[in-house]
PDB file of N, CA and C in Angstrom:
ATOM      1  N   MET A   1       4.857 -20.244  12.402  1.00  0.00           N
ATOM      2  CA  MET A   1       5.946 -19.814  11.531  1.00  0.00           C
ATOM      3  C   MET A   1       5.694 -18.377  11.086  1.00  0.00           C
ATOM      4  N   ASP A   2       6.750 -17.573  11.070  1.00  0.00           N
ATOM      5  CA  ASP A   2       6.633 -16.193  10.624  1.00  0.00           C
ATOM      6  C   ASP A   2       6.234 -16.152   9.152  1.00  0.00           C
ATOM      7  N   LYS A   3       5.531 -15.074   8.760  1.00  0.00           N
ATOM      8  CA  LYS A   3       5.057 -14.949   7.381  1.00  0.00           C
ATOM      9  C   LYS A   3       5.928 -13.928   6.649  1.00  0.00           C
ATOM     10  N   ILE A   4       6.484 -14.339   5.513  1.00  0.00           N
ATOM     11  CA  ILE A   4       7.294 -13.456   4.674  1.00  0.00           C
ATOM     12  C   ILE A   4       6.602 -13.339   3.322  1.00  0.00           C
ATOM     13  N   THR A   5       6.302 -12.086   2.926  1.00  0.00           N
ATOM     14  CA  THR A   5       5.623 -11.816   1.668  1.00  0.00           C
ATOM     15  C   THR A   5       6.538 -10.993   0.777  1.00  0.00           C
ATOM     16  N   SER A   6       6.833 -11.506  -0.413  1.00  0.00           N
ATOM     17  CA  SER A   6       7.680 -10.772  -1.354  1.00  0.00           C
ATOM     18  C   SER A   6       6.900  -9.578  -1.920  1.00  0.00           C
ATOM     19  N   LEU A   7       7.516  -8.396  -1.892  1.00  0.00           N
ATOM     20  CA  LEU A   7       6.885  -7.183  -2.413  1.00  0.00           C
ATOM     21  C   LEU A   7       7.431  -6.798  -3.783  1.00  0.00           C
ATOM     22  N   ASP A   8       8.737  -6.991  -3.974  1.00  0.00           N
ATOM     23  CA  ASP A   8       9.367  -6.660  -5.255  1.00  0.00           C
ATOM     24  C   ASP A   8      10.748  -7.303  -5.291  1.00  0.00           C
ATOM     25  N   LYS A   9      11.232  -7.546  -6.504  1.00  0.00           N
ATOM     26  CA  LYS A   9      12.556  -8.124  -6.700  1.00  0.00           C
ATOM     27  C   LYS A   9      13.090  -7.579  -8.009  1.00  0.00           C
ATOM     28  N   PHE A  10      14.312  -7.057  -7.986  1.00  0.00           N
ATOM     29  CA  PHE A  10      14.885  -6.469  -9.193  1.00  0.00           C
ATOM     30  C   PHE A  10      16.406  -6.515  -9.127  1.00  0.00           C
ATOM     31  N   ARG A  11      17.030  -6.257 -10.270  1.00  0.00           N
ATOM     32  CA  ARG A  11      18.492  -6.227 -10.361  1.00  0.00           C
ATOM     33  C   ARG A  11      18.949  -4.784 -10.586  1.00  0.00           C
ATOM     34  N   VAL A  12      20.059  -4.456  -9.974  1.00  0.00           N
ATOM     35  CA  VAL A  12      20.681  -3.151 -10.151  1.00  0.00           C
ATOM     36  C   VAL A  12      21.417  -3.175 -11.492  1.00  0.00           C
ATOM     37  N   PRO A  13      21.188  -2.179 -12.371  1.00  0.00           N
ATOM     38  CA  PRO A  13      21.806  -2.222 -13.698  1.00  0.00           C
ATOM     39  C   PRO A  13      23.344  -2.207 -13.671  1.00  0.00           C
ATOM     40  N   ILE A  14      23.925  -1.457 -12.756  1.00  0.00           N
ATOM     41  CA  ILE A  14      25.388  -1.406 -12.646  1.00  0.00           C
ATOM     42  C   ILE A  14      25.764  -2.189 -11.396  1.00  0.00           C
ATOM     43  N   GLY A  15      26.460  -3.295 -11.557  1.00  0.00           N
ATOM     44  CA  GLY A  15      26.841  -4.131 -10.425  1.00  0.00           C
ATOM     45  C   GLY A  15      26.075  -5.431 -10.361  1.00  0.00           C
ATOM     46  N   ASN A  16      24.873  -5.449 -10.963  1.00  0.00           N
ATOM     47  CA  ASN A  16      24.043  -6.650 -11.084  1.00  0.00           C
ATOM     48  C   ASN A  16      23.612  -7.266  -9.746  1.00  0.00           C
ATOM     49  N   GLN A  17      23.614  -6.493  -8.659  1.00  0.00           N
ATOM     50  CA  GLN A  17      23.106  -7.020  -7.398  1.00  0.00           C
ATOM     51  C   GLN A  17      21.602  -7.250  -7.519  1.00  0.00           C
ATOM     52  N   GLU A  18      21.118  -8.276  -6.828  1.00  0.00           N
ATOM     53  CA  GLU A  18      19.692  -8.566  -6.796  1.00  0.00           C
ATOM     54  C   GLU A  18      19.133  -8.012  -5.483  1.00  0.00           C
ATOM     55  N   ILE A  19      18.091  -7.207  -5.575  1.00  0.00           N
ATOM     56  CA  ILE A  19      17.461  -6.631  -4.392  1.00  0.00           C
ATOM     57  C   ILE A  19      16.046  -7.173  -4.301  1.00  0.00           C
ATOM     58  N   GLU A  20      15.696  -7.666  -3.128  1.00  0.00           N
ATOM     59  CA  GLU A  20      14.331  -8.128  -2.884  1.00  0.00           C
ATOM     60  C   GLU A  20      13.800  -7.420  -1.648  1.00  0.00           C
ATOM     61  N   LEU A  21      12.582  -6.900  -1.762  1.00  0.00           N
ATOM     62  CA  LEU A  21      11.890  -6.273  -0.635  1.00  0.00           C
ATOM     63  C   LEU A  21      10.780  -7.214  -0.196  1.00  0.00           C
ATOM     64  N   GLN A  22      10.725  -7.479   1.107  1.00  0.00           N
ATOM     65  CA  GLN A  22       9.736  -8.407   1.653  1.00  0.00           C
ATOM     66  C   GLN A  22       9.079  -7.789   2.881  1.00  0.00           C
ATOM     67  N   GLN A  23       7.834  -8.168   3.135  1.00  0.00           N
ATOM     68  CA  GLN A  23       7.186  -7.823   4.402  1.00  0.00           C
ATOM     69  C   GLN A  23       7.332  -9.014   5.327  1.00  0.00           C
ATOM     70  N   LEU A  24       7.757  -8.733   6.544  1.00  0.00           N
ATOM     71  CA  LEU A  24       7.982  -9.768   7.539  1.00  0.00           C
ATOM     72  C   LEU A  24       6.990  -9.572   8.677  1.00  0.00           C
ATOM     73  N   ASP A  25       6.116 -10.560   8.871  1.00  0.00           N
ATOM     74  CA  ASP A  25       5.132 -10.548   9.960  1.00  0.00           C
ATOM     75  C   ASP A  25       5.459 -11.690  10.912  1.00  0.00           C
ATOM     76  N   TYR A  26       5.722 -11.349  12.169  1.00  0.00           N
ATOM     77  CA  TYR A  26       6.056 -12.366  13.156  1.00  0.00           C
ATOM     78  C   TYR A  26       4.792 -13.025  13.689  1.00  0.00           C
ATOM     79  N   VAL A  27       4.853 -14.330  13.861  1.00  0.00           N
ATOM     80  CA  VAL A  27       3.729 -15.106  14.381  1.00  0.00           C
ATOM     81  C   VAL A  27       3.338 -14.602  15.776  1.00  0.00           C
ATOM     82  N   ALA A  28       4.292 -14.133  16.537  1.00  0.00           N
ATOM     83  CA  ALA A  28       4.030 -13.660  17.896  1.00  0.00           C
ATOM     84  C   ALA A  28       3.329 -12.299  17.900  1.00  0.00           C
ATOM     85  N   GLY A  29       3.228 -11.668  16.736  1.00  0.00           N
ATOM     86  CA  GLY A  29       2.572 -10.368  16.637  1.00  0.00           C
ATOM     87  C   GLY A  29       3.570  -9.224  16.640  1.00  0.00           C
ATOM     88  N   GLY A  30       3.068  -8.036  16.893  1.00  0.00           N
ATOM     89  CA  GLY A  30       3.916  -6.858  16.853  1.00  0.00           C
ATOM     90  C   GLY A  30       3.877  -6.206  15.490  1.00  0.00           C
ATOM     91  N   MET A  31       4.694  -5.178  15.335  1.00  0.00           N
ATOM     92  CA  MET A  31       4.689  -4.434  14.077  1.00  0.00           C
ATOM     93  C   MET A  31       5.346  -5.237  12.967  1.00  0.00           C
ATOM     94  N   PRO A  32       4.902  -5.034  11.732  1.00  0.00           N
ATOM     95  CA  PRO A  32       5.559  -5.681  10.602  1.00  0.00           C
ATOM     96  C   PRO A  32       6.892  -4.985  10.314  1.00  0.00           C
ATOM     97  N   PHE A  33       7.780  -5.695   9.668  1.00  0.00           N
ATOM     98  CA  PHE A  33       9.064  -5.128   9.265  1.00  0.00           C
ATOM     99  C   PHE A  33       9.206  -5.233   7.761  1.00  0.00           C
ATOM    100  N   LEU A  34       9.977  -4.320   7.204  1.00  0.00           N
ATOM    101  CA  LEU A  34      10.357  -4.383   5.798  1.00  0.00           C
ATOM    102  C   LEU A  34      11.737  -5.032   5.754  1.00  0.00           C
ATOM    103  N   ARG A  35      11.819  -6.155   5.074  1.00  0.00           N
ATOM    104  CA  ARG A  35      13.107  -6.844   4.938  1.00  0.00           C
ATOM    105  C   ARG A  35      13.696  -6.466   3.583  1.00  0.00           C
ATOM    106  N   VAL A  36      14.920  -5.981   3.600  1.00  0.00           N
ATOM    107  CA  VAL A  36      15.660  -5.657   2.388  1.00  0.00           C
ATOM    108  C   VAL A  36      16.768  -6.703   2.257  1.00  0.00           C
ATOM    109  N   ARG A  37      16.699  -7.487   1.187  1.00  0.00           N
ATOM    110  CA  ARG A  37      17.717  -8.525   0.938  1.00  0.00           C
ATOM    111  C   ARG A  37      18.514  -8.125  -0.291  1.00  0.00           C
ATOM    112  N   ILE A  38      19.804  -8.004  -0.120  1.00  0.00           N
ATOM    113  CA  ILE A  38      20.694  -7.660  -1.233  1.00  0.00           C
ATOM    114  C   ILE A  38      21.608  -8.860  -1.465  1.00  0.00           C
ATOM    115  N   ARG A  39      21.554  -9.395  -2.680  1.00  0.00           N
ATOM    116  CA  ARG A  39      22.398 -10.542  -3.022  1.00  0.00           C
ATOM    117  C   ARG A  39      23.445 -10.088  -4.023  1.00  0.00           C
ATOM    118  N   GLU A  40      24.684 -10.368  -3.688  1.00  0.00           N
ATOM    119  CA  GLU A  40      25.793 -10.076  -4.583  1.00  0.00           C
ATOM    120  C   GLU A  40      26.603 -11.359  -4.711  1.00  0.00           C
ATOM    121  N   HIS A  41      26.439 -12.038  -5.840  1.00  0.00           N
ATOM    122  CA  HIS A  41      27.015 -13.365  -6.065  1.00  0.00           C
ATOM    123  C   HIS A  41      26.476 -14.317  -4.983  1.00  0.00           C
ATOM    124  N   SER A  42      27.315 -14.869  -4.127  1.00  0.00           N
ATOM    125  CA  SER A  42      26.827 -15.804  -3.100  1.00  0.00           C
ATOM    126  C   SER A  42      26.655 -15.127  -1.737  1.00  0.00           C
ATOM    127  N   ARG A  43      26.920 -13.831  -1.654  1.00  0.00           N
ATOM    128  CA  ARG A  43      26.835 -13.106  -0.381  1.00  0.00           C
ATOM    129  C   ARG A  43      25.497 -12.379  -0.262  1.00  0.00           C
ATOM    130  N   PHE A  44      24.878 -12.463   0.920  1.00  0.00           N
ATOM    131  CA  PHE A  44      23.617 -11.774   1.193  1.00  0.00           C
ATOM    132  C   PHE A  44      23.824 -10.740   2.289  1.00  0.00           C
ATOM    133  N   THR A  45      23.182  -9.593   2.130  1.00  0.00           N
ATOM    134  CA  THR A  45      23.072  -8.599   3.197  1.00  0.00           C
ATOM    135  C   THR A  45      21.582  -8.427   3.447  1.00  0.00           C
ATOM    136  N   ILE A  46      21.175  -8.518   4.707  1.00  0.00           N
ATOM    137  CA  ILE A  46      19.751  -8.457   5.046  1.00  0.00           C
ATOM    138  C   ILE A  46      19.532  -7.412   6.128  1.00  0.00           C
ATOM    139  N   PHE A  47      18.589  -6.497   5.880  1.00  0.00           N
ATOM    140  CA  PHE A  47      18.168  -5.497   6.854  1.00  0.00           C
ATOM    141  C   PHE A  47      16.698  -5.739   7.170  1.00  0.00           C
ATOM    142  N   ASP A  48      16.326  -5.769   8.431  1.00  0.00           N
ATOM    143  CA  ASP A  48      14.921  -5.773   8.847  1.00  0.00           C
ATOM    144  C   ASP A  48      14.645  -4.391   9.418  1.00  0.00           C
ATOM    145  N   ILE A  49      13.750  -3.654   8.759  1.00  0.00           N
ATOM    146  CA  ILE A  49      13.568  -2.234   9.038  1.00  0.00           C
ATOM    147  C   ILE A  49      12.151  -1.968   9.545  1.00  0.00           C
ATOM    148  N   ASP A  50      12.058  -1.186  10.620  1.00  0.00           N
ATOM    149  CA  ASP A  50      10.756  -0.804  11.171  1.00  0.00           C
ATOM    150  C   ASP A  50      10.089   0.220  10.256  1.00  0.00           C
ATOM    151  N   PRO A  51       8.764   0.421  10.385  1.00  0.00           N
ATOM    152  CA  PRO A  51       8.044   1.330   9.488  1.00  0.00           C
ATOM    153  C   PRO A  51       8.561   2.773   9.496  1.00  0.00           C
ATOM    154  N   MET A  52       8.932   3.307  10.662  1.00  0.00           N
ATOM    155  CA  MET A  52       9.418   4.698  10.705  1.00  0.00           C
ATOM    156  C   MET A  52      10.746   4.846   9.960  1.00  0.00           C
ATOM    157  N   THR A  53      11.643   3.892  10.142  1.00  0.00           N
ATOM    158  CA  THR A  53      12.934   3.934   9.450  1.00  0.00           C
ATOM    159  C   THR A  53      12.742   3.751   7.950  1.00  0.00           C
ATOM    160  N   ALA A  54      11.851   2.839   7.562  1.00  0.00           N
ATOM    161  CA  ALA A  54      11.580   2.610   6.137  1.00  0.00           C
ATOM    162  C   ALA A  54      11.042   3.881   5.477  1.00  0.00           C
ATOM    163  N   GLU A  55      10.160   4.580   6.170  1.00  0.00           N
ATOM    164  CA  GLU A  55       9.604   5.818   5.613  1.00  0.00           C
ATOM    165  C   GLU A  55      10.692   6.867   5.415  1.00  0.00           C
ATOM    166  N   ARG A  56      11.545   7.030   6.412  1.00  0.00           N
ATOM    167  CA  ARG A  56      12.625   8.028   6.315  1.00  0.00           C
ATOM    168  C   ARG A  56      13.613   7.662   5.205  1.00  0.00           C
ATOM    169  N   TRP A  57      14.032   6.397   5.182  1.00  0.00           N
ATOM    170  CA  TRP A  57      14.979   5.918   4.188  1.00  0.00           C
ATOM    171  C   TRP A  57      14.380   6.047   2.780  1.00  0.00           C
ATOM    172  N   GLY A  58      13.131   5.630   2.637  1.00  0.00           N
ATOM    173  CA  GLY A  58      12.461   5.704   1.345  1.00  0.00           C
ATOM    174  C   GLY A  58      12.298   7.127   0.834  1.00  0.00           C
ATOM    175  N   ARG A  59      11.943   8.033   1.720  1.00  0.00           N
ATOM    176  CA  ARG A  59      11.774   9.437   1.336  1.00  0.00           C
ATOM    177  C   ARG A  59      13.109  10.016   0.860  1.00  0.00           C
ATOM    178  N   LEU A  60      14.176   9.745   1.603  1.00  0.00           N
ATOM    179  CA  LEU A  60      15.495  10.251   1.228  1.00  0.00           C
ATOM    180  C   LEU A  60      15.940   9.672  -0.117  1.00  0.00           C
ATOM    181  N   MET A  61      15.718   8.369  -0.316  1.00  0.00           N
ATOM    182  CA  MET A  61      16.113   7.746  -1.584  1.00  0.00           C
ATOM    183  C   MET A  61      15.309   8.319  -2.750  1.00  0.00           C
ATOM    184  N   ALA A  62      14.017   8.515  -2.561  1.00  0.00           N
ATOM    185  CA  ALA A  62      13.169   9.082  -3.624  1.00  0.00           C
ATOM    186  C   ALA A  62      13.587  10.508  -3.951  1.00  0.00           C
ATOM    187  N   ASP A  63      13.859  11.315  -2.927  1.00  0.00           N
ATOM    188  CA  ASP A  63      14.300  12.696  -3.141  1.00  0.00           C
ATOM    189  C   ASP A  63      15.638  12.733  -3.886  1.00  0.00           C
ATOM    190  N   TRP A  64      16.564  11.867  -3.469  1.00  0.00           N
ATOM    191  CA  TRP A  64      17.873  11.829  -4.128  1.00  0.00           C
ATOM    192  C   TRP A  64      17.722  11.397  -5.574  1.00  0.00           C
ATOM    193  N   GLY A  65      16.930  10.353  -5.834  1.00  0.00           N
ATOM    194  CA  GLY A  65      16.713   9.876  -7.189  1.00  0.00           C
ATOM    195  C   GLY A  65      16.110  10.954  -8.079  1.00  0.00           C
ATOM    196  N   SER A  66      15.126  11.691  -7.547  1.00  0.00           N
ATOM    197  CA  SER A  66      14.480  12.756  -8.312  1.00  0.00           C
ATOM    198  C   SER A  66      15.453  13.879  -8.652  1.00  0.00           C
ATOM    199  N   SER A  67      16.352  14.176  -7.734  1.00  0.00           N
ATOM    200  CA  SER A  67      17.298  15.294  -7.956  1.00  0.00           C
ATOM    201  C   SER A  67      18.414  14.914  -8.932  1.00  0.00           C
ATOM    202  N   HIS A  68      18.526  13.630  -9.284  1.00  0.00           N
ATOM    203  CA  HIS A  68      19.579  13.196 -10.207  1.00  0.00           C
ATOM    204  C   HIS A  68      19.036  12.548 -11.467  1.00  0.00           C
ATOM    205  N   LYS A  69      17.762  12.803 -11.783  1.00  0.00           N
ATOM    206  CA  LYS A  69      17.186  12.273 -13.024  1.00  0.00           C
ATOM    207  C   LYS A  69      17.958  12.801 -14.222  1.00  0.00           C
ATOM    208  N   GLY A  70      18.105  11.987 -15.220  1.00  0.00           N
ATOM    209  CA  GLY A  70      18.770  12.417 -16.435  1.00  0.00           C
ATOM    210  C   GLY A  70      20.280  12.312 -16.378  1.00  0.00           C
ATOM    211  N   GLU A  71      20.838  11.885 -15.256  1.00  0.00           N
ATOM    212  CA  GLU A  71      22.296  11.775 -15.133  1.00  0.00           C
ATOM    213  C   GLU A  71      22.783  10.364 -15.433  1.00  0.00           C
ATOM    214  N   THR A  72      21.866   9.470 -15.843  1.00  0.00           N
ATOM    215  CA  THR A  72      22.298   8.093 -16.104  1.00  0.00           C
ATOM    216  C   THR A  72      22.745   7.923 -17.523  1.00  0.00           C
TER     217      THR A  72
END
């Protein structure tokens, strides 16, 4: 059975969506994936992201967040 490890879980202040980040390790081996689960009421959106994509996405999100501090 594949191994899923929860890394973090939080709610978005505006919209109240629940976001969970998980590490996904396949029993067959290979690279791990970052699973992003977004729950909005009864609907789920799930992305399984490779390490290179996660790094790029994370860097862009961190840069954007830093450039808009104090605007909340």
